[in-house]
PDB file of N, CA and C in Angstrom:
ATOM      1  N   MET A   1      50.395 147.488 -67.775  1.00  0.00           N
ATOM      2  CA  MET A   1      50.625 147.955 -68.943  1.00  0.00           C
ATOM      3  C   MET A   1      49.780 147.154 -70.090  1.00  0.00           C
ATOM      4  N   SER A   2      49.062 147.940 -70.728  1.00  0.00           N
ATOM      5  CA  SER A   2      48.117 147.076 -71.817  1.00  0.00           C
ATOM      6  C   SER A   2      48.956 146.849 -73.044  1.00  0.00           C
ATOM      7  N   SER A   3      48.661 145.810 -73.608  1.00  0.00           N
ATOM      8  CA  SER A   3      49.345 145.480 -74.783  1.00  0.00           C
ATOM      9  C   SER A   3      48.417 146.016 -76.082  1.00  0.00           C
ATOM     10  N   TYR A   4      47.312 146.694 -75.737  1.00  0.00           N
ATOM     11  CA  TYR A   4      46.649 147.109 -76.827  1.00  0.00           C
ATOM     12  C   TYR A   4      46.618 148.654 -77.007  1.00  0.00           C
ATOM     13  N   GLY A   5      46.656 148.957 -78.450  1.00  0.00           N
ATOM     14  CA  GLY A   5      46.739 150.426 -78.808  1.00  0.00           C
ATOM     15  C   GLY A   5      45.325 151.009 -78.952  1.00  0.00           C
ATOM     16  N   ALA A   6      45.260 151.782 -79.991  1.00  0.00           N
ATOM     17  CA  ALA A   6      43.993 152.564 -80.058  1.00  0.00           C
ATOM     18  C   ALA A   6      43.044 151.545 -80.678  1.00  0.00           C
ATOM     19  N   LYS A   7      41.760 151.701 -80.310  1.00  0.00           N
ATOM     20  CA  LYS A   7      40.662 150.705 -80.701  1.00  0.00           C
ATOM     21  C   LYS A   7      40.796 149.261 -80.445  1.00  0.00           C
ATOM     22  N   GLY A   8      41.672 148.951 -79.547  1.00  0.00           N
ATOM     23  CA  GLY A   8      41.879 147.468 -79.099  1.00  0.00           C
ATOM     24  C   GLY A   8      42.749 146.764 -79.995  1.00  0.00           C
ATOM     25  N   THR A   9      43.549 147.396 -80.906  1.00  0.00           N
ATOM     26  CA  THR A   9      44.450 146.718 -81.733  1.00  0.00           C
ATOM     27  C   THR A   9      45.796 146.557 -81.091  1.00  0.00           C
ATOM     28  N   ARG A  10      46.497 145.519 -81.433  1.00  0.00           N
ATOM     29  CA  ARG A  10      47.994 145.561 -80.826  1.00  0.00           C
ATOM     30  C   ARG A  10      48.849 146.221 -81.701  1.00  0.00           C
ATOM     31  N   THR A  11      49.802 146.811 -81.075  1.00  0.00           N
ATOM     32  CA  THR A  11      50.700 147.855 -81.719  1.00  0.00           C
ATOM     33  C   THR A  11      51.997 146.977 -82.093  1.00  0.00           C
ATOM     34  N   PRO A  12      52.603 147.364 -83.191  1.00  0.00           N
ATOM     35  CA  PRO A  12      53.911 146.603 -83.384  1.00  0.00           C
ATOM     36  C   PRO A  12      54.923 146.585 -82.378  1.00  0.00           C
ATOM     37  N   ASN A  13      54.935 147.778 -81.714  1.00  0.00           N
ATOM     38  CA  ASN A  13      55.869 147.941 -80.654  1.00  0.00           C
ATOM     39  C   ASN A  13      55.638 146.807 -79.415  1.00  0.00           C
ATOM     40  N   ASN A  14      54.403 146.633 -79.149  1.00  0.00           N
ATOM     41  CA  ASN A  14      53.989 145.735 -78.139  1.00  0.00           C
ATOM     42  C   ASN A  14      54.250 144.306 -78.499  1.00  0.00           C
ATOM     43  N   ARG A  15      54.094 143.989 -79.888  1.00  0.00           N
ATOM     44  CA  ARG A  15      54.403 142.710 -80.356  1.00  0.00           C
ATOM     45  C   ARG A  15      55.878 142.338 -80.158  1.00  0.00           C
ATOM     46  N   LEU A  16      56.719 143.349 -80.655  1.00  0.00           N
ATOM     47  CA  LEU A  16      58.253 143.217 -80.489  1.00  0.00           C
ATOM     48  C   LEU A  16      58.580 143.046 -78.939  1.00  0.00           C
ATOM     49  N   GLN A  17      57.880 143.787 -78.102  1.00  0.00           N
ATOM     50  CA  GLN A  17      58.233 143.616 -76.647  1.00  0.00           C
ATOM     51  C   GLN A  17      57.838 142.261 -76.167  1.00  0.00           C
ATOM     52  N   ARG A  18      56.586 141.648 -76.576  1.00  0.00           N
ATOM     53  CA  ARG A  18      56.233 140.212 -76.367  1.00  0.00           C
ATOM     54  C   ARG A  18      57.191 139.231 -76.834  1.00  0.00           C
ATOM     55  N   MET A  19      57.731 139.420 -78.038  1.00  0.00           N
ATOM     56  CA  MET A  19      58.547 138.459 -78.669  1.00  0.00           C
ATOM     57  C   MET A  19      59.867 138.433 -78.009  1.00  0.00           C
ATOM     58  N   VAL A  20      60.533 139.713 -77.422  1.00  0.00           N
ATOM     59  CA  VAL A  20      61.641 139.765 -76.774  1.00  0.00           C
ATOM     60  C   VAL A  20      61.511 139.137 -75.352  1.00  0.00           C
ATOM     61  N   ARG A  21      60.353 139.436 -74.748  1.00  0.00           N
ATOM     62  CA  ARG A  21      60.237 138.934 -73.380  1.00  0.00           C
ATOM     63  C   ARG A  21      60.160 137.213 -73.524  1.00  0.00           C
ATOM     64  N   TYR A  22      59.379 136.752 -74.483  1.00  0.00           N
ATOM     65  CA  TYR A  22      59.231 135.317 -74.666  1.00  0.00           C
ATOM     66  C   TYR A  22      60.762 134.732 -74.878  1.00  0.00           C
ATOM     67  N   ALA A  23      61.492 135.219 -75.808  1.00  0.00           N
ATOM     68  CA  ALA A  23      62.750 134.705 -76.127  1.00  0.00           C
ATOM     69  C   ALA A  23      63.675 134.946 -74.790  1.00  0.00           C
ATOM     70  N   ALA A  24      63.576 135.876 -74.052  1.00  0.00           N
ATOM     71  CA  ALA A  24      64.330 136.086 -72.879  1.00  0.00           C
ATOM     72  C   ALA A  24      63.894 135.020 -71.858  1.00  0.00           C
ATOM     73  N   ARG A  25      62.683 134.793 -71.602  1.00  0.00           N
ATOM     74  CA  ARG A  25      62.352 133.781 -70.774  1.00  0.00           C
ATOM     75  C   ARG A  25      62.741 132.398 -71.118  1.00  0.00           C
ATOM     76  N   ARG A  26      62.687 131.968 -72.530  1.00  0.00           N
ATOM     77  CA  ARG A  26      62.942 130.723 -72.919  1.00  0.00           C
ATOM     78  C   ARG A  26      64.508 130.479 -73.027  1.00  0.00           C
ATOM     79  N   ARG A  27      65.249 131.736 -73.006  1.00  0.00           N
ATOM     80  CA  ARG A  27      66.642 131.625 -73.296  1.00  0.00           C
ATOM     81  C   ARG A  27      66.991 131.024 -74.792  1.00  0.00           C
ATOM     82  N   THR A  28      66.231 131.452 -75.643  1.00  0.00           N
ATOM     83  CA  THR A  28      66.402 130.986 -77.047  1.00  0.00           C
ATOM     84  C   THR A  28      67.571 131.740 -77.670  1.00  0.00           C
ATOM     85  N   GLY A  29      68.738 131.110 -77.460  1.00  0.00           N
ATOM     86  CA  GLY A  29      69.888 131.817 -78.066  1.00  0.00           C
ATOM     87  C   GLY A  29      70.229 133.026 -77.436  1.00  0.00           C
ATOM     88  N   GLU A  30      71.361 133.091 -76.697  1.00  0.00           N
ATOM     89  CA  GLU A  30      71.819 134.358 -75.896  1.00  0.00           C
ATOM     90  C   GLU A  30      72.199 135.325 -76.867  1.00  0.00           C
ATOM     91  N   SER A  31      72.604 135.036 -78.229  1.00  0.00           N
ATOM     92  CA  SER A  31      72.976 136.055 -79.133  1.00  0.00           C
ATOM     93  C   SER A  31      71.787 136.525 -80.103  1.00  0.00           C
ATOM     94  N   LYS A  32      70.668 136.057 -79.759  1.00  0.00           N
ATOM     95  CA  LYS A  32      69.586 136.406 -80.861  1.00  0.00           C
ATOM     96  C   LYS A  32      69.211 137.881 -80.707  1.00  0.00           C
ATOM     97  N   PHE A  33      69.190 138.345 -79.433  1.00  0.00           N
ATOM     98  CA  PHE A  33      68.812 139.656 -79.088  1.00  0.00           C
ATOM     99  C   PHE A  33      70.105 140.403 -78.446  1.00  0.00           C
ATOM    100  N   ILE A  34      70.593 141.363 -78.993  1.00  0.00           N
ATOM    101  CA  ILE A  34      71.615 142.142 -78.368  1.00  0.00           C
ATOM    102  C   ILE A  34      71.136 143.488 -77.822  1.00  0.00           C
ATOM    103  N   PRO A  35      70.928 143.633 -76.505  1.00  0.00           N
ATOM    104  CA  PRO A  35      70.409 144.798 -76.169  1.00  0.00           C
ATOM    105  C   PRO A  35      71.370 145.988 -76.103  1.00  0.00           C
ATOM    106  N   ILE A  36      70.967 147.141 -76.706  1.00  0.00           N
ATOM    107  CA  ILE A  36      71.821 148.342 -76.611  1.00  0.00           C
ATOM    108  C   ILE A  36      71.211 149.435 -75.871  1.00  0.00           C
ATOM    109  N   PHE A  37      71.839 149.828 -74.852  1.00  0.00           N
ATOM    110  CA  PHE A  37      71.204 150.962 -73.985  1.00  0.00           C
ATOM    111  C   PHE A  37      71.831 152.270 -74.170  1.00  0.00           C
ATOM    112  N   CYS A  38      71.058 153.281 -74.281  1.00  0.00           N
ATOM    113  CA  CYS A  38      71.540 154.584 -74.623  1.00  0.00           C
ATOM    114  C   CYS A  38      71.529 155.669 -73.400  1.00  0.00           C
ATOM    115  N   GLU A  39      70.811 155.017 -72.383  1.00  0.00           N
ATOM    116  CA  GLU A  39      70.574 155.865 -71.078  1.00  0.00           C
ATOM    117  C   GLU A  39      70.989 155.117 -69.999  1.00  0.00           C
ATOM    118  N   LEU A  40      71.395 155.835 -68.884  1.00  0.00           N
ATOM    119  CA  LEU A  40      71.775 155.207 -67.590  1.00  0.00           C
ATOM    120  C   LEU A  40      70.814 155.755 -66.426  1.00  0.00           C
ATOM    121  N   PHE A  41      70.598 155.019 -65.529  1.00  0.00           N
ATOM    122  CA  PHE A  41      69.874 155.560 -64.312  1.00  0.00           C
ATOM    123  C   PHE A  41      70.873 156.430 -63.501  1.00  0.00           C
ATOM    124  N   GLU A  42      70.378 157.064 -62.472  1.00  0.00           N
ATOM    125  CA  GLU A  42      71.092 157.968 -61.716  1.00  0.00           C
ATOM    126  C   GLU A  42      72.346 157.217 -60.946  1.00  0.00           C
ATOM    127  N   ASP A  43      72.076 155.927 -60.612  1.00  0.00           N
ATOM    128  CA  ASP A  43      73.118 155.177 -60.039  1.00  0.00           C
ATOM    129  C   ASP A  43      74.160 154.562 -60.954  1.00  0.00           C
ATOM    130  N   GLY A  44      74.093 154.853 -62.243  1.00  0.00           N
ATOM    131  CA  GLY A  44      75.040 154.336 -63.206  1.00  0.00           C
ATOM    132  C   GLY A  44      74.510 153.037 -63.841  1.00  0.00           C
ATOM    133  N   SER A  45      73.520 152.354 -63.550  1.00  0.00           N
ATOM    134  CA  SER A  45      73.169 151.101 -64.007  1.00  0.00           C
ATOM    135  C   SER A  45      72.465 151.338 -65.370  1.00  0.00           C
ATOM    136  N   PRO A  46      72.524 150.465 -66.282  1.00  0.00           N
ATOM    137  CA  PRO A  46      71.922 150.561 -67.597  1.00  0.00           C
ATOM    138  C   PRO A  46      70.366 150.662 -67.573  1.00  0.00           C
ATOM    139  N   CYS A  47      69.795 151.444 -68.395  1.00  0.00           N
ATOM    140  CA  CYS A  47      68.262 151.556 -68.395  1.00  0.00           C
ATOM    141  C   CYS A  47      67.858 150.529 -69.358  1.00  0.00           C
ATOM    142  N   LEU A  48      67.552 149.313 -68.770  1.00  0.00           N
ATOM    143  CA  LEU A  48      67.059 148.301 -69.506  1.00  0.00           C
ATOM    144  C   LEU A  48      65.821 147.646 -68.799  1.00  0.00           C
ATOM    145  N   PRO A  49      65.106 147.070 -69.562  1.00  0.00           N
ATOM    146  CA  PRO A  49      63.748 146.259 -68.898  1.00  0.00           C
ATOM    147  C   PRO A  49      64.396 145.176 -68.147  1.00  0.00           C
ATOM    148  N   THR A  50      63.596 144.790 -67.011  1.00  0.00           N
ATOM    149  CA  THR A  50      64.084 143.786 -66.189  1.00  0.00           C
ATOM    150  C   THR A  50      64.370 142.551 -66.729  1.00  0.00           C
ATOM    151  N   TYR A  51      63.620 142.168 -67.711  1.00  0.00           N
ATOM    152  CA  TYR A  51      63.935 140.643 -68.380  1.00  0.00           C
ATOM    153  C   TYR A  51      65.208 140.731 -69.260  1.00  0.00           C
ATOM    154  N   LEU A  52      65.832 141.960 -69.435  1.00  0.00           N
ATOM    155  CA  LEU A  52      67.096 142.017 -70.121  1.00  0.00           C
ATOM    156  C   LEU A  52      68.270 142.370 -69.269  1.00  0.00           C
ATOM    157  N   LYS A  53      68.116 142.578 -68.070  1.00  0.00           N
ATOM    158  CA  LYS A  53      69.164 143.026 -67.176  1.00  0.00           C
ATOM    159  C   LYS A  53      70.287 142.108 -66.972  1.00  0.00           C
ATOM    160  N   SER A  54      69.819 140.750 -66.959  1.00  0.00           N
ATOM    161  CA  SER A  54      70.913 139.745 -66.800  1.00  0.00           C
ATOM    162  C   SER A  54      71.624 139.312 -67.970  1.00  0.00           C
ATOM    163  N   ARG A  55      71.435 139.981 -69.271  1.00  0.00           N
ATOM    164  CA  ARG A  55      71.965 139.529 -70.451  1.00  0.00           C
ATOM    165  C   ARG A  55      73.042 140.513 -70.797  1.00  0.00           C
ATOM    166  N   PHE A  56      74.134 140.063 -71.734  1.00  0.00           N
ATOM    167  CA  PHE A  56      75.061 141.009 -72.196  1.00  0.00           C
ATOM    168  C   PHE A  56      74.365 141.920 -72.967  1.00  0.00           C
ATOM    169  N   ALA A  57      74.811 143.382 -72.602  1.00  0.00           N
ATOM    170  CA  ALA A  57      74.271 144.547 -73.393  1.00  0.00           C
ATOM    171  C   ALA A  57      75.448 145.470 -73.765  1.00  0.00           C
ATOM    172  N   ILE A  58      75.178 146.388 -74.748  1.00  0.00           N
ATOM    173  CA  ILE A  58      76.230 147.269 -75.213  1.00  0.00           C
ATOM    174  C   ILE A  58      75.868 148.529 -74.908  1.00  0.00           C
ATOM    175  N   ASP A  59      76.797 149.319 -74.288  1.00  0.00           N
ATOM    176  CA  ASP A  59      76.585 150.645 -73.840  1.00  0.00           C
ATOM    177  C   ASP A  59      76.844 151.645 -75.039  1.00  0.00           C
ATOM    178  N   PHE A  60      75.718 152.418 -75.305  1.00  0.00           N
ATOM    179  CA  PHE A  60      75.718 153.555 -76.263  1.00  0.00           C
ATOM    180  C   PHE A  60      75.401 154.720 -75.544  1.00  0.00           C
ATOM    181  N   SER A  61      75.554 154.981 -74.358  1.00  0.00           N
ATOM    182  CA  SER A  61      75.001 156.045 -73.461  1.00  0.00           C
ATOM    183  C   SER A  61      75.619 157.362 -73.646  1.00  0.00           C
ATOM    184  N   SER A  62      76.778 157.326 -74.385  1.00  0.00           N
ATOM    185  CA  SER A  62      77.487 158.625 -74.758  1.00  0.00           C
ATOM    186  C   SER A  62      78.314 158.481 -76.087  1.00  0.00           C
ATOM    187  N   GLU A  63      78.721 159.622 -76.668  1.00  0.00           N
ATOM    188  CA  GLU A  63      79.439 159.528 -77.902  1.00  0.00           C
ATOM    189  C   GLU A  63      80.869 158.553 -77.689  1.00  0.00           C
ATOM    190  N   ALA A  64      81.394 158.891 -76.499  1.00  0.00           N
ATOM    191  CA  ALA A  64      82.734 158.189 -76.136  1.00  0.00           C
ATOM    192  C   ALA A  64      82.390 156.677 -76.106  1.00  0.00           C
ATOM    193  N   LYS A  65      81.223 156.230 -75.508  1.00  0.00           N
ATOM    194  CA  LYS A  65      80.781 154.920 -75.344  1.00  0.00           C
ATOM    195  C   LYS A  65      80.459 154.188 -76.536  1.00  0.00           C
ATOM    196  N   VAL A  66      79.845 155.038 -77.595  1.00  0.00           N
ATOM    197  CA  VAL A  66      79.616 154.620 -78.867  1.00  0.00           C
ATOM    198  C   VAL A  66      80.773 154.201 -79.626  1.00  0.00           C
ATOM    199  N   ASP A  67      81.787 155.214 -79.554  1.00  0.00           N
ATOM    200  CA  ASP A  67      83.186 154.921 -80.325  1.00  0.00           C
ATOM    201  C   ASP A  67      83.894 153.690 -79.786  1.00  0.00           C
ATOM    202  N   GLU A  68      83.774 153.545 -78.383  1.00  0.00           N
ATOM    203  CA  GLU A  68      84.476 152.421 -77.719  1.00  0.00           C
ATOM    204  C   GLU A  68      83.806 151.132 -77.998  1.00  0.00           C
ATOM    205  N   ASN A  69      82.470 151.059 -78.058  1.00  0.00           N
ATOM    206  CA  ASN A  69      81.734 149.780 -78.122  1.00  0.00           C
ATOM    207  C   ASN A  69      81.162 149.496 -79.612  1.00  0.00           C
ATOM    208  N   TRP A  70      81.637 150.355 -80.493  1.00  0.00           N
ATOM    209  CA  TRP A  70      81.106 149.948 -81.891  1.00  0.00           C
ATOM    210  C   TRP A  70      81.593 148.616 -82.353  1.00  0.00           C
ATOM    211  N   GLU A  71      82.929 148.472 -82.179  1.00  0.00           N
ATOM    212  CA  GLU A  71      83.508 147.195 -82.607  1.00  0.00           C
ATOM    213  C   GLU A  71      82.992 145.889 -81.893  1.00  0.00           C
ATOM    214  N   THR A  72      82.580 146.194 -80.697  1.00  0.00           N
ATOM    215  CA  THR A  72      81.978 144.990 -79.842  1.00  0.00           C
ATOM    216  C   THR A  72      80.599 144.705 -80.386  1.00  0.00           C
ATOM    217  N   LEU A  73      79.795 145.666 -80.988  1.00  0.00           N
ATOM    218  CA  LEU A  73      78.595 145.410 -81.580  1.00  0.00           C
ATOM    219  C   LEU A  73      78.810 144.715 -82.842  1.00  0.00           C
ATOM    220  N   ILE A  74      79.674 145.186 -83.763  1.00  0.00           N
ATOM    221  CA  ILE A  74      79.986 144.538 -85.044  1.00  0.00           C
ATOM    222  C   ILE A  74      80.434 143.119 -84.769  1.00  0.00           C
ATOM    223  N   ARG A  75      81.259 142.931 -83.833  1.00  0.00           N
ATOM    224  CA  ARG A  75      81.714 141.569 -83.574  1.00  0.00           C
ATOM    225  C   ARG A  75      80.765 140.536 -83.130  1.00  0.00           C
ATOM    226  N   ALA A  76      79.891 141.059 -82.138  1.00  0.00           N
ATOM    227  CA  ALA A  76      78.612 140.241 -81.774  1.00  0.00           C
ATOM    228  C   ALA A  76      77.695 140.012 -82.735  1.00  0.00           C
ATOM    229  N   LEU A  77      77.433 140.937 -83.730  1.00  0.00           N
ATOM    230  CA  LEU A  77      76.495 140.636 -84.858  1.00  0.00           C
ATOM    231  C   LEU A  77      77.142 139.570 -85.768  1.00  0.00           C
ATOM    232  N   PHE A  78      78.403 139.561 -85.992  1.00  0.00           N
ATOM    233  CA  PHE A  78      78.920 138.664 -86.997  1.00  0.00           C
ATOM    234  C   PHE A  78      79.558 137.351 -86.179  1.00  0.00           C
ATOM    235  N   GLY A  79      79.405 137.306 -85.001  1.00  0.00           N
ATOM    236  CA  GLY A  79      79.860 136.103 -84.072  1.00  0.00           C
ATOM    237  C   GLY A  79      81.423 136.035 -84.170  1.00  0.00           C
ATOM    238  N   ARG A  80      82.182 137.051 -84.208  1.00  0.00           N
ATOM    239  CA  ARG A  80      83.554 137.016 -84.208  1.00  0.00           C
ATOM    240  C   ARG A  80      84.057 137.621 -82.906  1.00  0.00           C
ATOM    241  N   PRO A  81      84.312 136.987 -81.771  1.00  0.00           N
ATOM    242  CA  PRO A  81      84.692 137.565 -80.663  1.00  0.00           C
ATOM    243  C   PRO A  81      86.181 138.134 -80.669  1.00  0.00           C
ATOM    244  N   LEU A  82      86.356 139.191 -79.871  1.00  0.00           N
ATOM    245  CA  LEU A  82      87.606 139.646 -79.869  1.00  0.00           C
ATOM    246  C   LEU A  82      88.783 138.824 -79.369  1.00  0.00           C
ATOM    247  N   TYR A  83      88.458 137.975 -78.317  1.00  0.00           N
ATOM    248  CA  TYR A  83      89.410 136.926 -77.689  1.00  0.00           C
ATOM    249  C   TYR A  83      88.850 135.507 -78.207  1.00  0.00           C
ATOM    250  N   GLN A  84      89.657 134.631 -78.644  1.00  0.00           N
ATOM    251  CA  GLN A  84      89.229 133.299 -78.916  1.00  0.00           C
ATOM    252  C   GLN A  84      89.694 132.421 -77.751  1.00  0.00           C
ATOM    253  N   LYS A  85      88.823 131.359 -77.571  1.00  0.00           N
ATOM    254  CA  LYS A  85      89.290 130.396 -76.546  1.00  0.00           C
ATOM    255  C   LYS A  85      90.347 129.504 -77.041  1.00  0.00           C
ATOM    256  N   PRO A  86      91.298 129.379 -76.002  1.00  0.00           N
ATOM    257  CA  PRO A  86      92.545 128.635 -76.421  1.00  0.00           C
ATOM    258  C   PRO A  86      92.049 127.087 -76.751  1.00  0.00           C
ATOM    259  N   ALA A  87      92.846 126.467 -77.501  1.00  0.00           N
ATOM    260  CA  ALA A  87      92.608 124.986 -77.715  1.00  0.00           C
ATOM    261  C   ALA A  87      92.656 124.124 -76.470  1.00  0.00           C
ATOM    262  N   LEU A  88      91.967 123.098 -76.308  1.00  0.00           N
ATOM    263  CA  LEU A  88      92.002 122.223 -75.244  1.00  0.00           C
ATOM    264  C   LEU A  88      93.183 121.438 -75.257  1.00  0.00           C
ATOM    265  N   GLY A  89      93.971 121.454 -74.050  1.00  0.00           N
ATOM    266  CA  GLY A  89      95.209 120.827 -74.044  1.00  0.00           C
ATOM    267  C   GLY A  89      94.939 119.203 -73.761  1.00  0.00           C
ATOM    268  N   ALA A  90      96.150 118.490 -73.513  1.00  0.00           N
ATOM    269  CA  ALA A  90      96.096 117.080 -73.295  1.00  0.00           C
ATOM    270  C   ALA A  90      95.422 116.856 -71.905  1.00  0.00           C
ATOM    271  N   PRO A  91      94.679 115.735 -71.856  1.00  0.00           N
ATOM    272  CA  PRO A  91      94.011 115.438 -70.518  1.00  0.00           C
ATOM    273  C   PRO A  91      95.176 114.881 -69.510  1.00  0.00           C
ATOM    274  N   PRO A  92      95.035 115.085 -68.233  1.00  0.00           N
ATOM    275  CA  PRO A  92      95.864 114.479 -67.288  1.00  0.00           C
ATOM    276  C   PRO A  92      95.948 113.014 -67.296  1.00  0.00           C
ATOM    277  N   ALA A  93      97.007 112.523 -66.747  1.00  0.00           N
ATOM    278  CA  ALA A  93      97.284 111.114 -66.863  1.00  0.00           C
ATOM    279  C   ALA A  93      96.223 110.358 -66.185  1.00  0.00           C
ATOM    280  N   TYR A  94      95.682 110.980 -64.900  1.00  0.00           N
ATOM    281  CA  TYR A  94      94.701 110.099 -64.101  1.00  0.00           C
ATOM    282  C   TYR A  94      93.458 109.909 -64.886  1.00  0.00           C
ATOM    283  N   VAL A  95      93.126 110.772 -65.866  1.00  0.00           N
ATOM    284  CA  VAL A  95      91.924 110.681 -66.646  1.00  0.00           C
ATOM    285  C   VAL A  95      92.138 109.646 -67.587  1.00  0.00           C
ATOM    286  N   ILE A  96      93.168 109.566 -68.324  1.00  0.00           N
ATOM    287  CA  ILE A  96      93.503 108.549 -69.321  1.00  0.00           C
ATOM    288  C   ILE A  96      93.598 107.158 -68.643  1.00  0.00           C
ATOM    289  N   ALA A  97      94.368 106.901 -67.705  1.00  0.00           N
ATOM    290  CA  ALA A  97      94.589 105.760 -66.876  1.00  0.00           C
ATOM    291  C   ALA A  97      94.007 105.702 -65.494  1.00  0.00           C
ATOM    292  N   PRO A  98      92.749 105.586 -65.369  1.00  0.00           N
ATOM    293  CA  PRO A  98      92.385 105.817 -63.916  1.00  0.00           C
ATOM    294  C   PRO A  98      92.726 104.800 -62.839  1.00  0.00           C
ATOM    295  N   GLN A  99      93.469 103.693 -63.194  1.00  0.00           N
ATOM    296  CA  GLN A  99      94.049 102.820 -62.371  1.00  0.00           C
ATOM    297  C   GLN A  99      95.126 103.445 -61.526  1.00  0.00           C
ATOM    298  N   GLU A 100      95.796 104.386 -62.157  1.00  0.00           N
ATOM    299  CA  GLU A 100      96.982 104.852 -61.561  1.00  0.00           C
ATOM    300  C   GLU A 100      96.519 106.134 -60.645  1.00  0.00           C
ATOM    301  N   PRO A 101      96.626 106.077 -59.245  1.00  0.00           N
ATOM    302  CA  PRO A 101      96.151 107.255 -58.408  1.00  0.00           C
ATOM    303  C   PRO A 101      96.891 108.440 -58.655  1.00  0.00           C
ATOM    304  N   SER A 102      96.440 109.593 -58.707  1.00  0.00           N
ATOM    305  CA  SER A 102      97.053 110.910 -59.015  1.00  0.00           C
ATOM    306  C   SER A 102      97.705 111.451 -57.810  1.00  0.00           C
ATOM    307  N   ARG A 103      97.267 110.997 -56.654  1.00  0.00           N
ATOM    308  CA  ARG A 103      97.703 111.551 -55.565  1.00  0.00           C
ATOM    309  C   ARG A 103      97.400 110.519 -54.301  1.00  0.00           C
ATOM    310  N   PRO A 104      98.175 110.604 -53.174  1.00  0.00           N
ATOM    311  CA  PRO A 104      98.046 109.635 -52.206  1.00  0.00           C
ATOM    312  C   PRO A 104      96.599 109.481 -51.565  1.00  0.00           C
ATOM    313  N   SER A 105      95.775 110.725 -51.577  1.00  0.00           N
ATOM    314  CA  SER A 105      94.606 110.650 -50.984  1.00  0.00           C
ATOM    315  C   SER A 105      93.695 109.856 -51.853  1.00  0.00           C
ATOM    316  N   ALA A 106      93.842 109.977 -53.225  1.00  0.00           N
ATOM    317  CA  ALA A 106      92.971 109.107 -54.225  1.00  0.00           C
ATOM    318  C   ALA A 106      93.235 107.805 -54.038  1.00  0.00           C
ATOM    319  N   SER A 107      94.373 107.269 -53.741  1.00  0.00           N
ATOM    320  CA  SER A 107      94.673 105.833 -53.568  1.00  0.00           C
ATOM    321  C   SER A 107      93.971 105.323 -52.200  1.00  0.00           C
ATOM    322  N   LYS A 108      93.949 106.087 -51.263  1.00  0.00           N
ATOM    323  CA  LYS A 108      93.275 105.746 -49.952  1.00  0.00           C
ATOM    324  C   LYS A 108      91.788 105.732 -50.257  1.00  0.00           C
ATOM    325  N   PHE A 109      91.230 106.665 -51.120  1.00  0.00           N
ATOM    326  CA  PHE A 109      89.793 106.584 -51.291  1.00  0.00           C
ATOM    327  C   PHE A 109      89.479 105.366 -52.105  1.00  0.00           C
ATOM    328  N   LEU A 110      90.340 105.087 -53.070  1.00  0.00           N
ATOM    329  CA  LEU A 110      90.057 103.749 -53.891  1.00  0.00           C
ATOM    330  C   LEU A 110      90.150 102.513 -52.925  1.00  0.00           C
ATOM    331  N   SER A 111      91.002 102.458 -52.033  1.00  0.00           N
ATOM    332  CA  SER A 111      91.097 101.307 -51.236  1.00  0.00           C
ATOM    333  C   SER A 111      89.644 101.211 -50.273  1.00  0.00           C
ATOM    334  N   TRP A 112      89.241 102.390 -49.833  1.00  0.00           N
ATOM    335  CA  TRP A 112      88.047 102.347 -49.042  1.00  0.00           C
ATOM    336  C   TRP A 112      86.792 101.937 -50.014  1.00  0.00           C
ATOM    337  N   ARG A 113      86.735 102.413 -51.236  1.00  0.00           N
ATOM    338  CA  ARG A 113      85.781 101.921 -52.116  1.00  0.00           C
ATOM    339  C   ARG A 113      85.771 100.581 -52.241  1.00  0.00           C
ATOM    340  N   GLN A 114      87.117  99.915 -52.394  1.00  0.00           N
ATOM    341  CA  GLN A 114      87.093  98.534 -52.780  1.00  0.00           C
ATOM    342  C   GLN A 114      86.762  97.673 -51.485  1.00  0.00           C
ATOM    343  N   VAL A 115      87.052  98.161 -50.274  1.00  0.00           N
ATOM    344  CA  VAL A 115      86.654  97.502 -48.997  1.00  0.00           C
ATOM    345  C   VAL A 115      85.346  97.655 -48.934  1.00  0.00           C
ATOM    346  N   GLY A 116      84.601  98.766 -49.072  1.00  0.00           N
ATOM    347  CA  GLY A 116      83.152  98.818 -48.953  1.00  0.00           C
ATOM    348  C   GLY A 116      82.308  97.991 -49.946  1.00  0.00           C
ATOM    349  N   ALA A 117      82.917  97.666 -51.194  1.00  0.00           N
ATOM    350  CA  ALA A 117      82.348  96.926 -52.201  1.00  0.00           C
ATOM    351  C   ALA A 117      82.296  95.416 -51.712  1.00  0.00           C
ATOM    352  N   ARG A 118      83.451  95.019 -51.115  1.00  0.00           N
ATOM    353  CA  ARG A 118      83.590  93.583 -50.706  1.00  0.00           C
ATOM    354  C   ARG A 118      82.546  93.352 -49.498  1.00  0.00           C
ATOM    355  N   HIS A 119      82.423  94.338 -48.620  1.00  0.00           N
ATOM    356  CA  HIS A 119      81.449  94.117 -47.508  1.00  0.00           C
ATOM    357  C   HIS A 119      79.970  94.079 -48.049  1.00  0.00           C
ATOM    358  N   ALA A 120      79.742  94.866 -48.937  1.00  0.00           N
ATOM    359  CA  ALA A 120      78.365  94.860 -49.489  1.00  0.00           C
ATOM    360  C   ALA A 120      77.945  93.655 -50.258  1.00  0.00           C
ATOM    361  N   ILE A 121      78.980  92.777 -50.706  1.00  0.00           N
ATOM    362  CA  ILE A 121      78.768  91.630 -51.446  1.00  0.00           C
ATOM    363  C   ILE A 121      78.226  90.458 -50.402  1.00  0.00           C
ATOM    364  N   ARG A 122      78.877  90.584 -49.255  1.00  0.00           N
ATOM    365  CA  ARG A 122      78.440  89.410 -48.272  1.00  0.00           C
ATOM    366  C   ARG A 122      77.121  89.570 -47.742  1.00  0.00           C
TER     367      ARG A 122
END
């Protein structure tokens, strides 16, 4: 596929394709480009270029899908996901005080590590 149009000039469409390919390869912000596909292949997979297939894409392949995914597009554009991550809870006791073994196997491992350290010093 040539990136040149008539008389050897680069077309705006090809510039956009090159910019998207470059950004997709560099992974410059997963939300910088939001692929929207309006067609499906015979097997039901989205009709997207190879470099965009692994990214989040929005399905506008039918009127029903447009109605269903319109809110998803608007939320993606404004960075307001439908579901928020829950707040991080308190860390477990063994993370705060590592001297206390969390389970019997951990204490056995710690004793082996201490024995190994003593033998390495000699």
